[in-house]
C-alpha atoms as a PDB file:
ATOM      1  CA  MET A   1     112.885 111.597  75.048  1.00  0.00           C
ATOM      2  CA  THR A   2     116.002 111.715  77.119  1.00  0.00           C
ATOM      3  CA  ASP A   3     117.813 108.712  78.525  1.00  0.00           C
ATOM      4  CA  GLY A   4     116.865 108.172  82.162  1.00  0.00           C
ATOM      5  CA  PRO A   5     114.567 110.307  84.247  1.00  0.00           C
ATOM      6  CA  ALA A   6     114.387 113.971  83.320  1.00  0.00           C
ATOM      7  CA  ASN A   7     114.237 116.893  85.705  1.00  0.00           C
ATOM      8  CA  PHE A   8     110.919 118.335  84.638  1.00  0.00           C
ATOM      9  CA  TYR A   9     111.723 121.759  86.052  1.00  0.00           C
ATOM     10  CA  GLU A  10     114.827 121.937  83.867  1.00  0.00           C
ATOM     11  CA  VAL A  11     112.841 120.792  80.834  1.00  0.00           C
ATOM     12  CA  LEU A  12     110.431 123.696  81.361  1.00  0.00           C
ATOM     13  CA  GLY A  13     113.218 126.090  82.326  1.00  0.00           C
ATOM     14  CA  VAL A  14     111.771 127.051  85.716  1.00  0.00           C
ATOM     15  CA  ALA A  15     112.934 126.780  89.306  1.00  0.00           C
ATOM     16  CA  PRO A  16     111.493 124.010  91.521  1.00  0.00           C
ATOM     17  CA  ASP A  17     109.813 126.629  93.710  1.00  0.00           C
ATOM     18  CA  ALA A  18     108.199 128.427  90.748  1.00  0.00           C
ATOM     19  CA  SER A  19     104.536 129.348  90.963  1.00  0.00           C
ATOM     20  CA  HIS A  20     101.923 127.507  88.937  1.00  0.00           C
ATOM     21  CA  ASP A  21     101.390 130.580  86.764  1.00  0.00           C
ATOM     22  CA  SER A  22     105.072 130.908  85.883  1.00  0.00           C
ATOM     23  CA  ILE A  23     105.210 127.192  85.043  1.00  0.00           C
ATOM     24  CA  ARG A  24     102.156 127.601  82.798  1.00  0.00           C
ATOM     25  CA  VAL A  25     103.712 130.618  81.033  1.00  0.00           C
ATOM     26  CA  ALA A  26     106.970 128.701  80.506  1.00  0.00           C
ATOM     27  CA  TYR A  27     105.081 125.684  79.113  1.00  0.00           C
ATOM     28  CA  ARG A  28     103.069 127.792  76.696  1.00  0.00           C
ATOM     29  CA  GLY A  29     106.173 129.606  75.465  1.00  0.00           C
ATOM     30  CA  LEU A  30     108.031 126.329  74.888  1.00  0.00           C
ATOM     31  CA  ALA A  31     104.987 124.766  73.218  1.00  0.00           C
ATOM     32  CA  ARG A  32     104.769 127.744  70.874  1.00  0.00           C
ATOM     33  CA  ASN A  33     108.456 127.426  69.950  1.00  0.00           C
ATOM     34  CA  PHE A  34     108.735 123.641  69.667  1.00  0.00           C
ATOM     35  CA  HIS A  35     105.355 122.582  68.302  1.00  0.00           C
ATOM     36  CA  PRO A  36     106.062 120.402  65.247  1.00  0.00           C
ATOM     37  CA  ASP A  37     103.372 122.173  63.169  1.00  0.00           C
ATOM     38  CA  THR A  38     104.970 125.619  63.439  1.00  0.00           C
ATOM     39  CA  PRO A  39     106.758 126.842  60.296  1.00  0.00           C
ATOM     40  CA  ASN A  40     110.146 127.363  61.947  1.00  0.00           C
ATOM     41  CA  ALA A  41     110.138 124.226  64.100  1.00  0.00           C
ATOM     42  CA  PRO A  42     113.573 122.692  64.735  1.00  0.00           C
ATOM     43  CA  ALA A  43     114.383 119.203  63.471  1.00  0.00           C
ATOM     44  CA  ASP A  44     113.998 117.649  66.921  1.00  0.00           C
ATOM     45  CA  ALA A  45     110.688 119.432  67.591  1.00  0.00           C
ATOM     46  CA  GLU A  46     108.620 116.263  68.026  1.00  0.00           C
ATOM     47  CA  VAL A  47     111.005 114.759  70.586  1.00  0.00           C
ATOM     48  CA  ARG A  48     111.408 118.045  72.413  1.00  0.00           C
ATOM     49  CA  MET A  49     107.631 118.649  72.433  1.00  0.00           C
ATOM     50  CA  ALA A  50     107.068 115.182  73.910  1.00  0.00           C
ATOM     51  CA  GLU A  51     109.494 116.042  76.739  1.00  0.00           C
ATOM     52  CA  ILE A  52     107.758 119.384  77.299  1.00  0.00           C
ATOM     53  CA  ASN A  53     104.311 117.774  77.363  1.00  0.00           C
ATOM     54  CA  GLU A  54     105.466 115.120  79.821  1.00  0.00           C
ATOM     55  CA  ALA A  55     106.978 117.766  82.088  1.00  0.00           C
ATOM     56  CA  TRP A  56     103.804 119.846  81.921  1.00  0.00           C
ATOM     57  CA  TRP A  57     101.631 116.800  82.620  1.00  0.00           C
ATOM     58  CA  VAL A  58     103.555 116.162  85.853  1.00  0.00           C
ATOM     59  CA  VAL A  59     104.479 119.653  87.053  1.00  0.00           C
ATOM     60  CA  GLY A  60     101.343 121.394  85.756  1.00  0.00           C
ATOM     61  CA  ASP A  61      99.029 119.403  88.046  1.00  0.00           C
ATOM     62  CA  PRO A  62      99.348 120.315  91.753  1.00  0.00           C
ATOM     63  CA  GLY A  63      98.841 116.722  92.963  1.00  0.00           C
ATOM     64  CA  ARG A  64     101.290 115.144  90.557  1.00  0.00           C
ATOM     65  CA  ARG A  65     103.750 117.975  91.198  1.00  0.00           C
ATOM     66  CA  CYS A  66     103.641 117.275  94.927  1.00  0.00           C
ATOM     67  CA  ASP A  67     104.182 113.551  94.328  1.00  0.00           C
ATOM     68  CA  TYR A  68     107.058 114.337  91.949  1.00  0.00           C
ATOM     69  CA  ASP A  69     108.698 116.683  94.464  1.00  0.00           C
ATOM     70  CA  VAL A  70     108.433 114.102  97.262  1.00  0.00           C
ATOM     71  CA  ALA A  71     109.823 111.317  95.061  1.00  0.00           C
ATOM     72  CA  ALA A  72     112.688 113.529  93.888  1.00  0.00           C
ATOM     73  CA  ALA A  73     113.503 114.467  97.488  1.00  0.00           C
ATOM     74  CA  GLU A  74     113.438 110.806  98.540  1.00  0.00           C
ATOM     75  CA  LEU A  75     115.787 109.878  95.704  1.00  0.00           C
ATOM     76  CA  ALA A  76     118.099 112.680  96.748  1.00  0.00           C
ATOM     77  CA  GLY A  77     117.827 111.578 100.385  1.00  0.00           C
ATOM     78  CA  THR A  78     116.618 114.960 101.541  1.00  0.00           C
ATOM     79  CA  VAL A  79     113.179 114.181 102.927  1.00  0.00           C
ATOM     80  CA  GLU A  80     113.103 115.885 106.289  1.00  0.00           C
ATOM     81  CA  GLY A  81     111.464 114.250 109.263  1.00  0.00           C
ATOM     82  CA  TRP A  82     111.537 110.722 107.918  1.00  0.00           C
ATOM     83  CA  ASP A  83     114.288 108.215 108.459  1.00  0.00           C
ATOM     84  CA  PRO A  84     113.666 104.688 107.144  1.00  0.00           C
ATOM     85  CA  ALA A  85     115.945 103.280 109.870  1.00  0.00           C
ATOM     86  CA  GLU A  86     113.620 104.686 112.525  1.00  0.00           C
ATOM     87  CA  VAL A  87     110.499 102.995 111.190  1.00  0.00           C
ATOM     88  CA  ALA A  88     109.629 100.200 113.581  1.00  0.00           C
ATOM     89  CA  ALA A  89     109.076  96.783 112.101  1.00  0.00           C
ATOM     90  CA  PRO A  90     105.896  95.020 113.164  1.00  0.00           C
ATOM     91  CA  ALA A  91     106.307  92.788 116.209  1.00  0.00           C
ATOM     92  CA  SER A  92     104.712  89.875 114.396  1.00  0.00           C
ATOM     93  CA  PRO A  93     103.510  89.097 110.897  1.00  0.00           C
ATOM     94  CA  VAL A  94      99.939  89.124 112.154  1.00  0.00           C
ATOM     95  CA  GLU A  95     100.388  92.767 113.115  1.00  0.00           C
ATOM     96  CA  ALA A  96     101.591  93.492 109.597  1.00  0.00           C
ATOM     97  CA  ILE A  97      99.027  91.354 107.765  1.00  0.00           C
ATOM     98  CA  VAL A  98      95.801  92.238 109.599  1.00  0.00           C
ATOM     99  CA  PRO A  99      95.395  95.634 107.870  1.00  0.00           C
ATOM    100  CA  LEU A 100      96.085  94.015 104.506  1.00  0.00           C
ATOM    101  CA  ALA A 101      93.602  91.227 105.183  1.00  0.00           C
ATOM    102  CA  SER A 102      91.017  93.756 106.297  1.00  0.00           C
ATOM    103  CA  ALA A 103      91.514  95.795 103.126  1.00  0.00           C
ATOM    104  CA  ILE A 104      91.228  92.670 100.978  1.00  0.00           C
ATOM    105  CA  GLY A 105      88.085  91.734 102.890  1.00  0.00           C
ATOM    106  CA  LEU A 106      86.563  95.153 102.217  1.00  0.00           C
ATOM    107  CA  ILE A 107      87.357  94.875  98.517  1.00  0.00           C
ATOM    108  CA  LEU A 108      85.956  91.362  98.241  1.00  0.00           C
ATOM    109  CA  SER A 109      82.839  92.178 100.240  1.00  0.00           C
ATOM    110  CA  GLY A 110      82.289  95.247  98.050  1.00  0.00           C
ATOM    111  CA  LEU A 111      82.441  92.977  95.018  1.00  0.00           C
ATOM    112  CA  GLY A 112      79.885  90.620  96.541  1.00  0.00           C
ATOM    113  CA  PHE A 113      82.278  87.750  97.329  1.00  0.00           C
ATOM    114  CA  ALA A 114      81.890  87.846 101.088  1.00  0.00           C
ATOM    115  CA  GLY A 115      79.152  88.284 103.599  1.00  0.00           C
ATOM    116  CA  GLY A 116      79.449  89.388 107.161  1.00  0.00           C
ATOM    117  CA  ALA A 117      82.196  91.466 108.700  1.00  0.00           C
ATOM    118  CA  PRO A 118      84.803  92.943 106.373  1.00  0.00           C
ATOM    119  CA  GLY A 119      88.254  91.498 106.821  1.00  0.00           C
ATOM    120  CA  LEU A 120      86.999  88.102 107.928  1.00  0.00           C
ATOM    121  CA  THR A 121      86.866  86.549 104.506  1.00  0.00           C
ATOM    122  CA  LEU A 122      88.349  83.165 103.875  1.00  0.00           C
ATOM    123  CA  PHE A 123      91.166  84.764 101.896  1.00  0.00           C
ATOM    124  CA  GLY A 124      91.959  87.140 104.748  1.00  0.00           C
ATOM    125  CA  VAL A 125      92.051  84.310 107.267  1.00  0.00           C
ATOM    126  CA  LEU A 126      94.296  82.227 104.985  1.00  0.00           C
ATOM    127  CA  LEU A 127      96.620  85.182 104.512  1.00  0.00           C
ATOM    128  CA  ILE A 128      96.978  85.609 108.272  1.00  0.00           C
ATOM    129  CA  ALA A 129      97.572  81.864 108.729  1.00  0.00           C
ATOM    130  CA  VAL A 130     100.347  81.866 106.127  1.00  0.00           C
ATOM    131  CA  ALA A 131     101.967  84.856 107.812  1.00  0.00           C
ATOM    132  CA  VAL A 132     101.874  83.168 111.217  1.00  0.00           C
ATOM    133  CA  VAL A 133     103.426  79.990 109.836  1.00  0.00           C
ATOM    134  CA  ALA A 134     106.178  82.010 108.106  1.00  0.00           C
ATOM    135  CA  PHE A 135     106.850  83.883 111.351  1.00  0.00           C
ATOM    136  CA  VAL A 136     107.102  80.671 113.376  1.00  0.00           C
ATOM    137  CA  LEU A 137     109.407  79.028 110.829  1.00  0.00           C
ATOM    138  CA  ARG A 138     111.658  82.078 110.767  1.00  0.00           C
ATOM    139  CA  ARG A 139     111.888  82.097 114.583  1.00  0.00           C
ATOM    140  CA  ARG A 140     112.846  78.420 114.614  1.00  0.00           C
ATOM    141  CA  ARG A 141     115.751  79.089 112.242  1.00  0.00           C
ATOM    142  CA  GLU A 142     117.152  81.815 114.515  1.00  0.00           C
END
């Protein structure tokens, strides 16, 4: 494998806006040329085939390809319509923790650890209490 993250489109030799069919054709051609079991395989065939398989695993699946494209755009700082500086911080820790506590409550109640309303588990309540105390202590320091 290469050092650092690879550009999977470059590994497969296709453009980032290539269709799924052209990506599949490129993968199959590279797999035919670099498969270690072929008679005329180059010396680095195993390493190269691992790179090709990894690229195909990511770019060959529409869901993973979308995730890869979004992550690559975020790393390049080119995601349109989203500016991290514009994301509003929660007004209080309770506002930030309540959804998390509710999700934890749903998980725990689904596992049989809690009865009653989801999100009102003992763990959820303790999590909110810790967040409130942290918020108050932070305000006192300011």
